[in-house]
Amino acid sequence: MAFGKGKSLTSAANGQKDRDVDFPKGPEDTVSALRWSPVANYLAAASWDGKVYIYDATNSTSSATIKGVAAITVGAPVLDCDFSKDGTIAIGAAADRKIYLMDLNSSQTMTLEAHTSPVRSVRFVTIPATNAPVIASGSWDKTVRYWDMRQPQPIAALQLPERVYAMDAAGPLLAAGTADNHLHLIDLHANPLHIWKSVKSPLSPKISSVSVSADGSRWAIGGIEGRAAAQVANEKDKSLSNLTFKCHREASTSAKNQTDVYAVNAVCYSPAHKDVLATAGSDGTYSVWDVVARHRLRSFPKVSGPVTALSFSRDGMALAYAVGYDWSKGYQHSKADAEKKIVLHCFDEALKK
């Protein structure tokens, strides 16, 4: 079915010979974020258990060949993670208001006293006016702050109208979703201290996740009511019409002619193709979509619990996803023995040629 606003995407037939490989046992609590290195097959996993786990998945033929190579011990829930552009530094954003860094070559660590409220998101960004790697951090203190790792204080800060609930950056674009259900776009190359554009979210009532395409030309968001949106940053770009679509929904098993709706916990553009977007949900499924052709490229069977995070590898040929409880049903449904794992899904062919 072709779709317009609010419609379901059509689904391509499956039958692929893809394979899944479990990562070695690691996080002891829910994984909040996954990020691949931009230069190697290293994966960072931020967890509510207070650590950022680093894995070497260069040889991913089995769980035994994927190696845990490092862990940043934080001691407070870690809400996000990222790698530097050269892959040598891993960082984590923590609920204790700090940013934690590790040099993967030397194992040396450093802490930035970052914000006055929990740090929700971190990204290494490129700002041409600087001559050093820059970290952008978004917080519940309603700011995005920029950091030069050689200095203990932020080099600049941008005030936002509300708390940062989700953030991503790629190319010239940083996109921050805030508690007032707006997405704020910042042109890092032109003026990182100015909100270039604020967009009222086409979803309601809350932005749960944000992704920016590798070239910075597109953004996507997920919401808590089983919907996602994909749009262009610049309206002059006609490559993608503004789009919202239903996902992570299923026929109710308890009420006739009703649909159960689940939160979209994560959205992620493929670094290899800006038309390809993955979504993950509280329903325990994840899907891959072609946002321009407007259909689902791949759908996958339900796993043992909510999918809380996902991230494409740098070549787009693999997708890491995390399974764990996401608190969408409250504390009464939390079980100590609920499965917590990270899985590598390897595609048998390129999703978009």
C-alpha atoms as a PDB file:
ATOM      1  CA  MET A   1       0.000   0.000   0.000  1.00  0.00           C
ATOM      2  CA  ALA A   2       1.350   3.385  -0.890  1.00  0.00           C
ATOM      3  CA  PHE A   3       1.022   5.758   1.965  1.00  0.00           C
ATOM      4  CA  GLY A   4       0.611   9.357   2.919  1.00  0.00           C
ATOM      5  CA  LYS A   5       0.518  10.907   6.338  1.00  0.00           C
ATOM      6  CA  GLY A   6      -0.250   8.380   9.021  1.00  0.00           C
ATOM      7  CA  LYS A   7      -0.504   5.370   6.714  1.00  0.00           C
ATOM      8  CA  SER A   8       1.269   2.063   7.098  1.00  0.00           C
ATOM      9  CA  LEU A   9       4.230   1.342   4.843  1.00  0.00           C
ATOM     10  CA  THR A  10       4.075  -1.536   2.406  1.00  0.00           C
ATOM     11  CA  SER A  11       6.249  -4.507   3.226  1.00  0.00           C
ATOM     12  CA  ALA A  12       8.733  -6.221   0.936  1.00  0.00           C
ATOM     13  CA  ALA A  13       8.766 -10.007   0.877  1.00  0.00           C
ATOM     14  CA  ASN A  14      11.326 -11.575   3.139  1.00  0.00           C
ATOM     15  CA  GLY A  15      13.316 -14.711   2.416  1.00  0.00           C
ATOM     16  CA  GLN A  16      16.797 -13.324   2.927  1.00  0.00           C
ATOM     17  CA  LYS A  17      19.594 -15.489   4.282  1.00  0.00           C
ATOM     18  CA  ASP A  18      20.601 -13.019   6.953  1.00  0.00           C
ATOM     19  CA  ARG A  19      22.103 -14.204  10.225  1.00  0.00           C
ATOM     20  CA  ASP A  20      22.071 -13.126  13.855  1.00  0.00           C
ATOM     21  CA  VAL A  21      25.014 -13.362  16.243  1.00  0.00           C
ATOM     22  CA  ASP A  22      24.690 -12.642  19.959  1.00  0.00           C
ATOM     23  CA  PHE A  23      27.335 -10.444  21.533  1.00  0.00           C
ATOM     24  CA  PRO A  24      29.153 -11.868  24.568  1.00  0.00           C
ATOM     25  CA  LYS A  25      27.387 -11.341  27.871  1.00  0.00           C
ATOM     26  CA  GLY A  26      27.946  -7.771  29.007  1.00  0.00           C
ATOM     27  CA  PRO A  27      25.419  -5.196  30.237  1.00  0.00           C
ATOM     28  CA  GLU A  28      23.589  -6.236  33.399  1.00  0.00           C
ATOM     29  CA  ASP A  29      20.767  -3.770  32.835  1.00  0.00           C
ATOM     30  CA  THR A  30      18.920  -2.280  29.874  1.00  0.00           C
ATOM     31  CA  VAL A  31      21.016  -0.863  27.033  1.00  0.00           C
ATOM     32  CA  SER A  32      20.055   2.755  26.376  1.00  0.00           C
ATOM     33  CA  ALA A  33      22.155   3.383  23.241  1.00  0.00           C
ATOM     34  CA  LEU A  34      24.355   1.652  20.656  1.00  0.00           C
ATOM     35  CA  ARG A  35      26.917   3.367  18.415  1.00  0.00           C
ATOM     36  CA  TRP A  36      29.376   1.974  15.869  1.00  0.00           C
ATOM     37  CA  SER A  37      32.818   3.428  15.341  1.00  0.00           C
ATOM     38  CA  PRO A  38      32.979   5.373  12.060  1.00  0.00           C
ATOM     39  CA  VAL A  39      36.304   3.751  11.110  1.00  0.00           C
ATOM     40  CA  ALA A  40      36.233   0.187  12.480  1.00  0.00           C
ATOM     41  CA  ASN A  41      33.890  -2.611  13.498  1.00  0.00           C
ATOM     42  CA  TYR A  42      33.835  -1.502  17.118  1.00  0.00           C
ATOM     43  CA  LEU A  43      30.509  -1.111  18.918  1.00  0.00           C
ATOM     44  CA  ALA A  44      29.805   0.981  22.039  1.00  0.00           C
ATOM     45  CA  ALA A  45      26.852   0.088  24.272  1.00  0.00           C
ATOM     46  CA  ALA A  46      25.624   2.479  26.964  1.00  0.00           C
ATOM     47  CA  SER A  47      23.769   0.788  29.807  1.00  0.00           C
ATOM     48  CA  TRP A  48      21.677   1.610  32.838  1.00  0.00           C
ATOM     49  CA  ASP A  49      24.106  -0.563  34.825  1.00  0.00           C
ATOM     50  CA  GLY A  50      26.540   2.381  34.842  1.00  0.00           C
ATOM     51  CA  LYS A  51      28.983   1.331  32.141  1.00  0.00           C
ATOM     52  CA  VAL A  52      29.813   1.850  28.474  1.00  0.00           C
ATOM     53  CA  TYR A  53      30.889  -1.451  26.930  1.00  0.00           C
ATOM     54  CA  ILE A  54      33.212  -1.535  23.899  1.00  0.00           C
ATOM     55  CA  TYR A  55      33.214  -4.570  21.618  1.00  0.00           C
ATOM     56  CA  ASP A  56      35.425  -5.593  18.706  1.00  0.00           C
ATOM     57  CA  ALA A  57      33.137  -7.208  16.128  1.00  0.00           C
ATOM     58  CA  THR A  58      35.710  -7.379  13.337  1.00  0.00           C
ATOM     59  CA  ASN A  59      35.282 -11.148  13.326  1.00  0.00           C
ATOM     60  CA  SER A  60      31.576 -11.703  13.921  1.00  0.00           C
ATOM     61  CA  THR A  61      31.183 -15.295  12.794  1.00  0.00           C
ATOM     62  CA  SER A  62      30.034 -16.329  16.296  1.00  0.00           C
ATOM     63  CA  SER A  63      29.581 -15.002  19.819  1.00  0.00           C
ATOM     64  CA  ALA A  64      33.000 -16.397  20.699  1.00  0.00           C
ATOM     65  CA  THR A  65      34.758 -14.321  18.055  1.00  0.00           C
ATOM     66  CA  ILE A  66      33.243 -10.970  19.144  1.00  0.00           C
ATOM     67  CA  LYS A  67      35.491  -9.577  21.857  1.00  0.00           C
ATOM     68  CA  GLY A  68      34.802  -7.211  24.717  1.00  0.00           C
ATOM     69  CA  VAL A  69      37.817  -4.907  24.650  1.00  0.00           C
ATOM     70  CA  ALA A  70      37.055  -2.174  27.203  1.00  0.00           C
ATOM     71  CA  ALA A  71      34.473  -0.726  29.547  1.00  0.00           C
ATOM     72  CA  ILE A  72      34.053   2.800  30.856  1.00  0.00           C
ATOM     73  CA  THR A  73      32.862   2.516  34.453  1.00  0.00           C
ATOM     74  CA  VAL A  74      30.580   5.400  35.333  1.00  0.00           C
ATOM     75  CA  GLY A  75      28.570   4.351  38.393  1.00  0.00           C
ATOM     76  CA  ALA A  76      25.399   6.107  37.243  1.00  0.00           C
ATOM     77  CA  PRO A  77      23.004   5.177  34.422  1.00  0.00           C
ATOM     78  CA  VAL A  78      24.563   5.921  31.028  1.00  0.00           C
ATOM     79  CA  LEU A  79      22.045   7.354  28.579  1.00  0.00           C
ATOM     80  CA  ASP A  80      24.091   7.692  25.367  1.00  0.00           C
ATOM     81  CA  CYS A  81      27.503   7.009  23.822  1.00  0.00           C
ATOM     82  CA  ASP A  82      29.612   7.811  20.767  1.00  0.00           C
ATOM     83  CA  PHE A  83      33.034   7.455  19.124  1.00  0.00           C
ATOM     84  CA  SER A  84      35.371  10.190  17.921  1.00  0.00           C
ATOM     85  CA  LYS A  85      35.724  10.582  14.169  1.00  0.00           C
ATOM     86  CA  ASP A  86      39.017   8.659  14.186  1.00  0.00           C
ATOM     87  CA  GLY A  87      37.592   5.951  16.449  1.00  0.00           C
ATOM     88  CA  THR A  88      40.216   6.369  19.179  1.00  0.00           C
ATOM     89  CA  ILE A  89      37.971   7.866  21.884  1.00  0.00           C
ATOM     90  CA  ALA A  90      34.696   6.547  23.309  1.00  0.00           C
ATOM     91  CA  ILE A  91      32.373   8.723  25.386  1.00  0.00           C
ATOM     92  CA  GLY A  92      29.303   8.239  27.552  1.00  0.00           C
ATOM     93  CA  ALA A  93      26.565  10.615  28.723  1.00  0.00           C
ATOM     94  CA  ALA A  94      25.535   9.950  32.303  1.00  0.00           C
ATOM     95  CA  ALA A  95      22.641  10.659  34.631  1.00  0.00           C
ATOM     96  CA  ASP A  96      25.126  12.095  37.170  1.00  0.00           C
ATOM     97  CA  ARG A  97      25.452  15.157  34.883  1.00  0.00           C
ATOM     98  CA  LYS A  98      28.911  14.222  33.584  1.00  0.00           C
ATOM     99  CA  ILE A  99      30.539  13.080  30.341  1.00  0.00           C
ATOM    100  CA  TYR A 100      32.982  10.186  30.581  1.00  0.00           C
ATOM    101  CA  LEU A 101      35.756   9.616  28.021  1.00  0.00           C
ATOM    102  CA  MET A 102      38.216   6.799  27.334  1.00  0.00           C
ATOM    103  CA  ASP A 103      41.227   6.786  25.020  1.00  0.00           C
ATOM    104  CA  LEU A 104      40.996   3.297  23.550  1.00  0.00           C
ATOM    105  CA  ASN A 105      44.707   3.218  22.719  1.00  0.00           C
ATOM    106  CA  SER A 106      45.952   4.003  26.213  1.00  0.00           C
ATOM    107  CA  SER A 107      42.846   3.114  28.307  1.00  0.00           C
ATOM    108  CA  GLN A 108      43.206   6.511  29.996  1.00  0.00           C
ATOM    109  CA  THR A 109      39.925   8.043  31.162  1.00  0.00           C
ATOM    110  CA  MET A 110      38.726  11.582  31.716  1.00  0.00           C
ATOM    111  CA  THR A 111      35.576  13.186  33.088  1.00  0.00           C
ATOM    112  CA  LEU A 112      33.920  16.434  32.095  1.00  0.00           C
ATOM    113  CA  GLU A 113      31.736  18.144  34.715  1.00  0.00           C
ATOM    114  CA  ALA A 114      29.229  18.796  32.024  1.00  0.00           C
ATOM    115  CA  HIS A 115      25.751  19.936  33.059  1.00  0.00           C
ATOM    116  CA  THR A 116      23.484  20.830  35.968  1.00  0.00           C
ATOM    117  CA  SER A 117      21.037  18.013  35.083  1.00  0.00           C
ATOM    118  CA  PRO A 118      21.464  14.529  33.544  1.00  0.00           C
ATOM    119  CA  VAL A 119      23.206  14.429  30.171  1.00  0.00           C
ATOM    120  CA  ARG A 120      20.810  12.806  27.714  1.00  0.00           C
ATOM    121  CA  SER A 121      22.888  12.749  24.518  1.00  0.00           C
ATOM    122  CA  VAL A 122      26.467  13.125  23.297  1.00  0.00           C
ATOM    123  CA  ARG A 123      27.947  13.356  19.802  1.00  0.00           C
ATOM    124  CA  PHE A 124      31.330  14.142  18.338  1.00  0.00           C
ATOM    125  CA  VAL A 125      30.703  16.920  15.818  1.00  0.00           C
ATOM    126  CA  THR A 126      32.658  18.829  13.213  1.00  0.00           C
ATOM    127  CA  ILE A 127      32.754  22.598  13.604  1.00  0.00           C
ATOM    128  CA  PRO A 128      35.008  24.168  10.931  1.00  0.00           C
ATOM    129  CA  ALA A 129      35.851  27.187  13.093  1.00  0.00           C
ATOM    130  CA  THR A 130      37.641  24.969  15.612  1.00  0.00           C
ATOM    131  CA  ASN A 131      40.902  23.089  15.147  1.00  0.00           C
ATOM    132  CA  ALA A 132      40.123  20.218  17.523  1.00  0.00           C
ATOM    133  CA  PRO A 133      37.517  17.477  17.969  1.00  0.00           C
ATOM    134  CA  VAL A 134      34.366  18.854  19.558  1.00  0.00           C
ATOM    135  CA  ILE A 135      31.781  17.062  21.684  1.00  0.00           C
ATOM    136  CA  ALA A 136      28.182  18.297  21.671  1.00  0.00           C
ATOM    137  CA  SER A 137      26.115  17.320  24.717  1.00  0.00           C
ATOM    138  CA  GLY A 138      22.375  17.744  25.212  1.00  0.00           C
ATOM    139  CA  SER A 139      20.906  17.798  28.704  1.00  0.00           C
ATOM    140  CA  TRP A 140      17.747  18.040  30.737  1.00  0.00           C
ATOM    141  CA  ASP A 141      19.123  21.407  31.888  1.00  0.00           C
ATOM    142  CA  LYS A 142      17.817  22.775  28.549  1.00  0.00           C
ATOM    143  CA  THR A 143      21.207  23.367  26.967  1.00  0.00           C
ATOM    144  CA  VAL A 144      23.434  21.977  24.255  1.00  0.00           C
ATOM    145  CA  ARG A 145      27.059  22.493  25.257  1.00  0.00           C
ATOM    146  CA  TYR A 146      30.201  22.212  23.153  1.00  0.00           C
ATOM    147  CA  TRP A 147      33.452  20.800  24.520  1.00  0.00           C
ATOM    148  CA  ASP A 148      37.092  20.859  23.487  1.00  0.00           C
ATOM    149  CA  MET A 149      38.570  17.883  25.366  1.00  0.00           C
ATOM    150  CA  ARG A 150      41.669  19.916  26.175  1.00  0.00           C
ATOM    151  CA  GLN A 151      39.611  22.247  28.360  1.00  0.00           C
ATOM    152  CA  PRO A 152      37.630  21.451  31.536  1.00  0.00           C
ATOM    153  CA  GLN A 153      34.857  23.934  30.758  1.00  0.00           C
ATOM    154  CA  PRO A 154      32.580  24.091  27.708  1.00  0.00           C
ATOM    155  CA  ILE A 155      33.773  26.325  24.925  1.00  0.00           C
ATOM    156  CA  ALA A 156      30.197  27.436  24.213  1.00  0.00           C
ATOM    157  CA  ALA A 157      26.579  26.700  25.126  1.00  0.00           C
ATOM    158  CA  LEU A 158      23.247  27.025  23.341  1.00  0.00           C
ATOM    159  CA  GLN A 159      20.095  27.610  25.398  1.00  0.00           C
ATOM    160  CA  LEU A 160      17.039  25.637  24.296  1.00  0.00           C
ATOM    161  CA  PRO A 161      13.396  26.202  25.272  1.00  0.00           C
ATOM    162  CA  GLU A 162      13.077  22.851  27.032  1.00  0.00           C
ATOM    163  CA  ARG A 163      14.850  19.682  28.171  1.00  0.00           C
ATOM    164  CA  VAL A 164      16.664  17.615  25.539  1.00  0.00           C
ATOM    165  CA  TYR A 165      14.921  14.244  25.200  1.00  0.00           C
ATOM    166  CA  ALA A 166      16.875  13.001  22.162  1.00  0.00           C
ATOM    167  CA  MET A 167      19.660  14.310  19.927  1.00  0.00           C
ATOM    168  CA  ASP A 168      21.774  13.310  16.955  1.00  0.00           C
ATOM    169  CA  ALA A 169      24.279  14.975  14.645  1.00  0.00           C
ATOM    170  CA  ALA A 170      25.929  14.225  11.309  1.00  0.00           C
ATOM    171  CA  GLY A 171      27.561  16.409   8.683  1.00  0.00           C
ATOM    172  CA  PRO A 172      26.542  20.020   9.278  1.00  0.00           C
ATOM    173  CA  LEU A 173      23.306  19.196  11.117  1.00  0.00           C
ATOM    174  CA  LEU A 174      22.564  18.748  14.804  1.00  0.00           C
ATOM    175  CA  ALA A 175      18.946  17.925  15.695  1.00  0.00           C
ATOM    176  CA  ALA A 176      17.667  18.090  19.270  1.00  0.00           C
ATOM    177  CA  GLY A 177      14.188  16.941  20.267  1.00  0.00           C
ATOM    178  CA  THR A 178      12.915  18.676  23.382  1.00  0.00           C
ATOM    179  CA  ALA A 179      10.226  18.175  26.007  1.00  0.00           C
ATOM    180  CA  ASP A 180       7.923  20.723  24.362  1.00  0.00           C
ATOM    181  CA  ASN A 181       7.640  18.337  21.375  1.00  0.00           C
ATOM    182  CA  HIS A 182       9.756  20.442  19.045  1.00  0.00           C
ATOM    183  CA  LEU A 183      12.798  19.506  17.012  1.00  0.00           C
ATOM    184  CA  HIS A 184      15.480  22.182  16.945  1.00  0.00           C
ATOM    185  CA  LEU A 185      17.913  22.134  14.010  1.00  0.00           C
ATOM    186  CA  ILE A 186      21.378  23.677  14.331  1.00  0.00           C
ATOM    187  CA  ASP A 187      23.715  24.281  11.386  1.00  0.00           C
ATOM    188  CA  LEU A 188      27.078  23.415  12.928  1.00  0.00           C
ATOM    189  CA  HIS A 189      29.012  24.784   9.967  1.00  0.00           C
ATOM    190  CA  ALA A 190      27.245  28.137   9.807  1.00  0.00           C
ATOM    191  CA  ASN A 191      26.449  28.972  13.443  1.00  0.00           C
ATOM    192  CA  PRO A 192      26.466  26.298  16.176  1.00  0.00           C
ATOM    193  CA  LEU A 193      25.197  28.852  18.719  1.00  0.00           C
ATOM    194  CA  HIS A 194      22.009  29.621  16.839  1.00  0.00           C
ATOM    195  CA  ILE A 195      18.855  27.586  16.296  1.00  0.00           C
ATOM    196  CA  TRP A 196      18.570  27.535  12.533  1.00  0.00           C
ATOM    197  CA  LYS A 197      15.049  26.161  12.542  1.00  0.00           C
ATOM    198  CA  SER A 198      12.515  24.863  15.073  1.00  0.00           C
ATOM    199  CA  VAL A 199       9.953  22.363  13.841  1.00  0.00           C
ATOM    200  CA  LYS A 200       6.815  21.324  15.670  1.00  0.00           C
ATOM    201  CA  SER A 201       6.936  17.552  15.850  1.00  0.00           C
ATOM    202  CA  PRO A 202       4.493  15.878  13.445  1.00  0.00           C
ATOM    203  CA  LEU A 203       4.146  13.187  16.116  1.00  0.00           C
ATOM    204  CA  SER A 204       2.466  13.391  19.495  1.00  0.00           C
ATOM    205  CA  PRO A 205       2.936  13.629  22.341  1.00  0.00           C
ATOM    206  CA  LYS A 206       6.672  12.998  22.868  1.00  0.00           C
ATOM    207  CA  ILE A 207       9.826  12.574  20.771  1.00  0.00           C
ATOM    208  CA  SER A 208      11.542   9.387  21.910  1.00  0.00           C
ATOM    209  CA  SER A 209      14.464   9.247  19.470  1.00  0.00           C
ATOM    210  CA  VAL A 210      16.216  11.245  16.724  1.00  0.00           C
ATOM    211  CA  SER A 211      18.469  10.273  13.816  1.00  0.00           C
ATOM    212  CA  VAL A 212      20.275  12.429  11.242  1.00  0.00           C
ATOM    213  CA  SER A 213      21.356  11.017   7.876  1.00  0.00           C
ATOM    214  CA  ALA A 214      25.111  10.767   7.280  1.00  0.00           C
ATOM    215  CA  ASP A 215      25.204  13.819   4.999  1.00  0.00           C
ATOM    216  CA  GLY A 216      23.062  15.897   7.353  1.00  0.00           C
ATOM    217  CA  SER A 217      20.326  16.425   4.779  1.00  0.00           C
ATOM    218  CA  ARG A 218      17.545  14.501   6.583  1.00  0.00           C
ATOM    219  CA  TRP A 219      16.252  13.823  10.039  1.00  0.00           C
ATOM    220  CA  ALA A 220      13.941  11.215  11.466  1.00  0.00           C
ATOM    221  CA  ILE A 221      12.160  10.911  14.807  1.00  0.00           C
ATOM    222  CA  GLY A 222      10.296   8.219  16.680  1.00  0.00           C
ATOM    223  CA  GLY A 223       7.375   8.740  19.020  1.00  0.00           C
ATOM    224  CA  ILE A 224       5.775   6.896  21.917  1.00  0.00           C
ATOM    225  CA  GLU A 225       2.529   6.155  20.043  1.00  0.00           C
ATOM    226  CA  GLY A 226       3.792   3.813  17.339  1.00  0.00           C
ATOM    227  CA  ARG A 227       4.655   6.412  14.735  1.00  0.00           C
ATOM    228  CA  ALA A 228       7.799   7.716  13.081  1.00  0.00           C
ATOM    229  CA  ALA A 229       8.561  10.648  10.798  1.00  0.00           C
ATOM    230  CA  ALA A 230      11.254  11.311   8.188  1.00  0.00           C
ATOM    231  CA  GLN A 231      11.808  14.752   6.701  1.00  0.00           C
ATOM    232  CA  VAL A 232      14.404  16.892   4.932  1.00  0.00           C
ATOM    233  CA  ALA A 233      16.320  19.572   6.780  1.00  0.00           C
ATOM    234  CA  ASN A 234      16.059  22.073   3.929  1.00  0.00           C
ATOM    235  CA  GLU A 235      12.663  22.519   2.270  1.00  0.00           C
ATOM    236  CA  LYS A 236      14.411  23.249  -1.052  1.00  0.00           C
ATOM    237  CA  ASP A 237      15.511  19.596  -1.066  1.00  0.00           C
ATOM    238  CA  LYS A 238      12.727  17.740  -2.900  1.00  0.00           C
ATOM    239  CA  SER A 239      14.261  14.266  -2.510  1.00  0.00           C
ATOM    240  CA  LEU A 240      11.872  13.322   0.298  1.00  0.00           C
ATOM    241  CA  SER A 241       8.374  14.577   0.902  1.00  0.00           C
ATOM    242  CA  ASN A 242       7.546  15.187   4.535  1.00  0.00           C
ATOM    243  CA  LEU A 243       6.489  11.850   5.861  1.00  0.00           C
ATOM    244  CA  THR A 244       4.918  10.255   8.921  1.00  0.00           C
ATOM    245  CA  PHE A 245       4.004   6.600   9.156  1.00  0.00           C
ATOM    246  CA  LYS A 246       2.602   4.028  11.543  1.00  0.00           C
ATOM    247  CA  CYS A 247       4.887   1.309  12.878  1.00  0.00           C
ATOM    248  CA  HIS A 248       5.275  -0.992  15.865  1.00  0.00           C
ATOM    249  CA  ARG A 249       1.579  -1.758  16.099  1.00  0.00           C
ATOM    250  CA  GLU A 250      -0.288  -5.046  16.124  1.00  0.00           C
ATOM    251  CA  ALA A 251      -3.817  -6.362  16.354  1.00  0.00           C
ATOM    252  CA  SER A 252      -4.926  -6.534  19.968  1.00  0.00           C
ATOM    253  CA  THR A 253      -5.196  -9.996  21.494  1.00  0.00           C
ATOM    254  CA  SER A 254      -7.587  -8.768  24.194  1.00  0.00           C
ATOM    255  CA  ALA A 255     -10.042  -6.569  22.299  1.00  0.00           C
ATOM    256  CA  LYS A 256     -11.662  -7.190  18.945  1.00  0.00           C
ATOM    257  CA  ASN A 257     -11.022  -4.665  16.154  1.00  0.00           C
ATOM    258  CA  GLN A 258      -8.499  -2.774  18.238  1.00  0.00           C
ATOM    259  CA  THR A 259      -4.801  -2.182  17.773  1.00  0.00           C
ATOM    260  CA  ASP A 260      -2.086  -2.270  20.405  1.00  0.00           C
ATOM    261  CA  VAL A 261       0.327   0.650  19.967  1.00  0.00           C
ATOM    262  CA  TYR A 262       3.949   0.588  21.138  1.00  0.00           C
ATOM    263  CA  ALA A 263       6.664   3.186  21.627  1.00  0.00           C
ATOM    264  CA  VAL A 264       9.315   3.622  18.945  1.00  0.00           C
ATOM    265  CA  ASN A 265      12.411   3.357  21.129  1.00  0.00           C
ATOM    266  CA  ALA A 266      14.984   4.092  18.414  1.00  0.00           C
ATOM    267  CA  VAL A 267      15.324   5.321  14.840  1.00  0.00           C
ATOM    268  CA  CYS A 268      18.567   5.090  12.877  1.00  0.00           C
ATOM    269  CA  TYR A 269      19.592   6.068   9.348  1.00  0.00           C
ATOM    270  CA  SER A 270      22.045   3.823   7.548  1.00  0.00           C
ATOM    271  CA  PRO A 271      25.449   5.527   7.048  1.00  0.00           C
ATOM    272  CA  ALA A 272      25.624   3.804   3.657  1.00  0.00           C
ATOM    273  CA  HIS A 273      22.335   5.062   2.227  1.00  0.00           C
ATOM    274  CA  LYS A 274      20.239   8.013   3.336  1.00  0.00           C
ATOM    275  CA  ASP A 275      17.020   6.423   2.052  1.00  0.00           C
ATOM    276  CA  VAL A 276      17.319   3.558   4.550  1.00  0.00           C
ATOM    277  CA  LEU A 277      15.932   3.977   8.076  1.00  0.00           C
ATOM    278  CA  ALA A 278      15.592   1.390  10.851  1.00  0.00           C
ATOM    279  CA  THR A 279      13.093   1.572  13.716  1.00  0.00           C
ATOM    280  CA  ALA A 280      12.906  -0.425  16.957  1.00  0.00           C
ATOM    281  CA  GLY A 281       9.961  -0.737  19.294  1.00  0.00           C
ATOM    282  CA  SER A 282       8.552  -1.792  22.638  1.00  0.00           C
ATOM    283  CA  ASP A 283       6.691  -4.531  20.786  1.00  0.00           C
ATOM    284  CA  GLY A 284       9.960  -6.487  20.506  1.00  0.00           C
ATOM    285  CA  THR A 285      10.406  -5.942  16.783  1.00  0.00           C
ATOM    286  CA  TYR A 286      12.609  -3.902  14.493  1.00  0.00           C
ATOM    287  CA  SER A 287      12.152  -3.023  10.825  1.00  0.00           C
ATOM    288  CA  VAL A 288      14.085  -1.411   8.003  1.00  0.00           C
ATOM    289  CA  TRP A 289      12.329   1.069   5.709  1.00  0.00           C
ATOM    290  CA  ASP A 290      12.953   2.845   2.418  1.00  0.00           C
ATOM    291  CA  VAL A 291      11.660   6.321   3.200  1.00  0.00           C
ATOM    292  CA  VAL A 292      11.757   7.534  -0.414  1.00  0.00           C
ATOM    293  CA  ALA A 293      10.238   4.503  -2.132  1.00  0.00           C
ATOM    294  CA  ARG A 294       7.864   4.363   0.864  1.00  0.00           C
ATOM    295  CA  HIS A 295       7.857   0.735   1.788  1.00  0.00           C
ATOM    296  CA  ARG A 296       9.317  -1.628   4.338  1.00  0.00           C
ATOM    297  CA  LEU A 297      12.513  -3.281   3.124  1.00  0.00           C
ATOM    298  CA  ARG A 298      12.729  -5.846   5.915  1.00  0.00           C
ATOM    299  CA  SER A 299      10.611  -6.901   8.872  1.00  0.00           C
ATOM    300  CA  PHE A 300      11.808  -9.320  11.516  1.00  0.00           C
ATOM    301  CA  PRO A 301      10.208 -11.731  13.989  1.00  0.00           C
ATOM    302  CA  LYS A 302       9.457 -10.602  17.504  1.00  0.00           C
ATOM    303  CA  VAL A 303      12.295 -11.139  19.970  1.00  0.00           C
ATOM    304  CA  SER A 304      12.180 -11.925  23.692  1.00  0.00           C
ATOM    305  CA  GLY A 305      11.575  -8.357  24.892  1.00  0.00           C
ATOM    306  CA  PRO A 306      11.442  -4.706  23.840  1.00  0.00           C
ATOM    307  CA  VAL A 307      14.151  -3.546  21.434  1.00  0.00           C
ATOM    308  CA  THR A 308      15.649  -0.560  23.228  1.00  0.00           C
ATOM    309  CA  ALA A 309      18.432   0.581  20.867  1.00  0.00           C
ATOM    310  CA  LEU A 310      19.874  -0.091  17.437  1.00  0.00           C
ATOM    311  CA  SER A 311      22.699   1.127  15.197  1.00  0.00           C
ATOM    312  CA  PHE A 312      23.822   0.418  11.621  1.00  0.00           C
ATOM    313  CA  SER A 313      27.437  -0.538  10.998  1.00  0.00           C
ATOM    314  CA  ARG A 314      29.462   1.947   8.968  1.00  0.00           C
ATOM    315  CA  ASP A 315      28.931   0.025   5.694  1.00  0.00           C
ATOM    316  CA  GLY A 316      25.217  -0.580   6.332  1.00  0.00           C
ATOM    317  CA  MET A 317      25.665  -4.343   6.072  1.00  0.00           C
ATOM    318  CA  ALA A 318      24.893  -5.069   9.721  1.00  0.00           C
ATOM    319  CA  LEU A 319      22.566  -3.748  12.389  1.00  0.00           C
ATOM    320  CA  ALA A 320      23.206  -4.116  16.111  1.00  0.00           C
ATOM    321  CA  TYR A 321      20.162  -4.121  18.360  1.00  0.00           C
ATOM    322  CA  ALA A 322      19.603  -4.448  22.110  1.00  0.00           C
ATOM    323  CA  VAL A 323      16.879  -6.362  23.933  1.00  0.00           C
ATOM    324  CA  GLY A 324      15.819  -5.438  27.478  1.00  0.00           C
ATOM    325  CA  TYR A 325      12.998  -4.018  29.535  1.00  0.00           C
ATOM    326  CA  ASP A 326      12.180  -0.421  28.580  1.00  0.00           C
ATOM    327  CA  TRP A 327       9.798   0.465  31.437  1.00  0.00           C
ATOM    328  CA  SER A 328       6.983   1.172  28.984  1.00  0.00           C
ATOM    329  CA  LYS A 329       4.605  -0.879  31.162  1.00  0.00           C
ATOM    330  CA  GLY A 330       5.829   0.438  34.502  1.00  0.00           C
ATOM    331  CA  TYR A 331       7.746  -1.107  37.370  1.00  0.00           C
ATOM    332  CA  GLN A 332       5.166  -3.823  37.982  1.00  0.00           C
ATOM    333  CA  HIS A 333       6.193  -5.564  34.743  1.00  0.00           C
ATOM    334  CA  SER A 334       9.913  -5.382  35.466  1.00  0.00           C
ATOM    335  CA  LYS A 335      11.453  -8.814  36.036  1.00  0.00           C
ATOM    336  CA  ALA A 336      14.949  -9.410  37.339  1.00  0.00           C
ATOM    337  CA  ASP A 337      15.399 -12.384  35.036  1.00  0.00           C
ATOM    338  CA  ALA A 338      14.255 -10.575  31.872  1.00  0.00           C
ATOM    339  CA  GLU A 339      16.679 -11.240  29.037  1.00  0.00           C
ATOM    340  CA  LYS A 340      19.230  -8.519  28.354  1.00  0.00           C
ATOM    341  CA  LYS A 341      21.360  -8.932  25.265  1.00  0.00           C
ATOM    342  CA  ILE A 342      22.944  -7.275  22.239  1.00  0.00           C
ATOM    343  CA  VAL A 343      22.555  -8.946  18.856  1.00  0.00           C
ATOM    344  CA  LEU A 344      24.324  -8.376  15.544  1.00  0.00           C
ATOM    345  CA  HIS A 345      22.065  -8.857  12.521  1.00  0.00           C
ATOM    346  CA  CYS A 346      24.124  -9.276   9.353  1.00  0.00           C
ATOM    347  CA  PHE A 347      22.430  -8.634   6.007  1.00  0.00           C
ATOM    348  CA  ASP A 348      23.143 -10.971   3.119  1.00  0.00           C
ATOM    349  CA  GLU A 349      23.070  -8.120   0.608  1.00  0.00           C
ATOM    350  CA  ALA A 350      23.047  -4.339   0.499  1.00  0.00           C
ATOM    351  CA  LEU A 351      19.665  -2.934   1.491  1.00  0.00           C
ATOM    352  CA  LYS A 352      19.823  -0.287  -1.209  1.00  0.00           C
ATOM    353  CA  LYS A 353      21.933  -0.473  -4.337  1.00  0.00           C
END
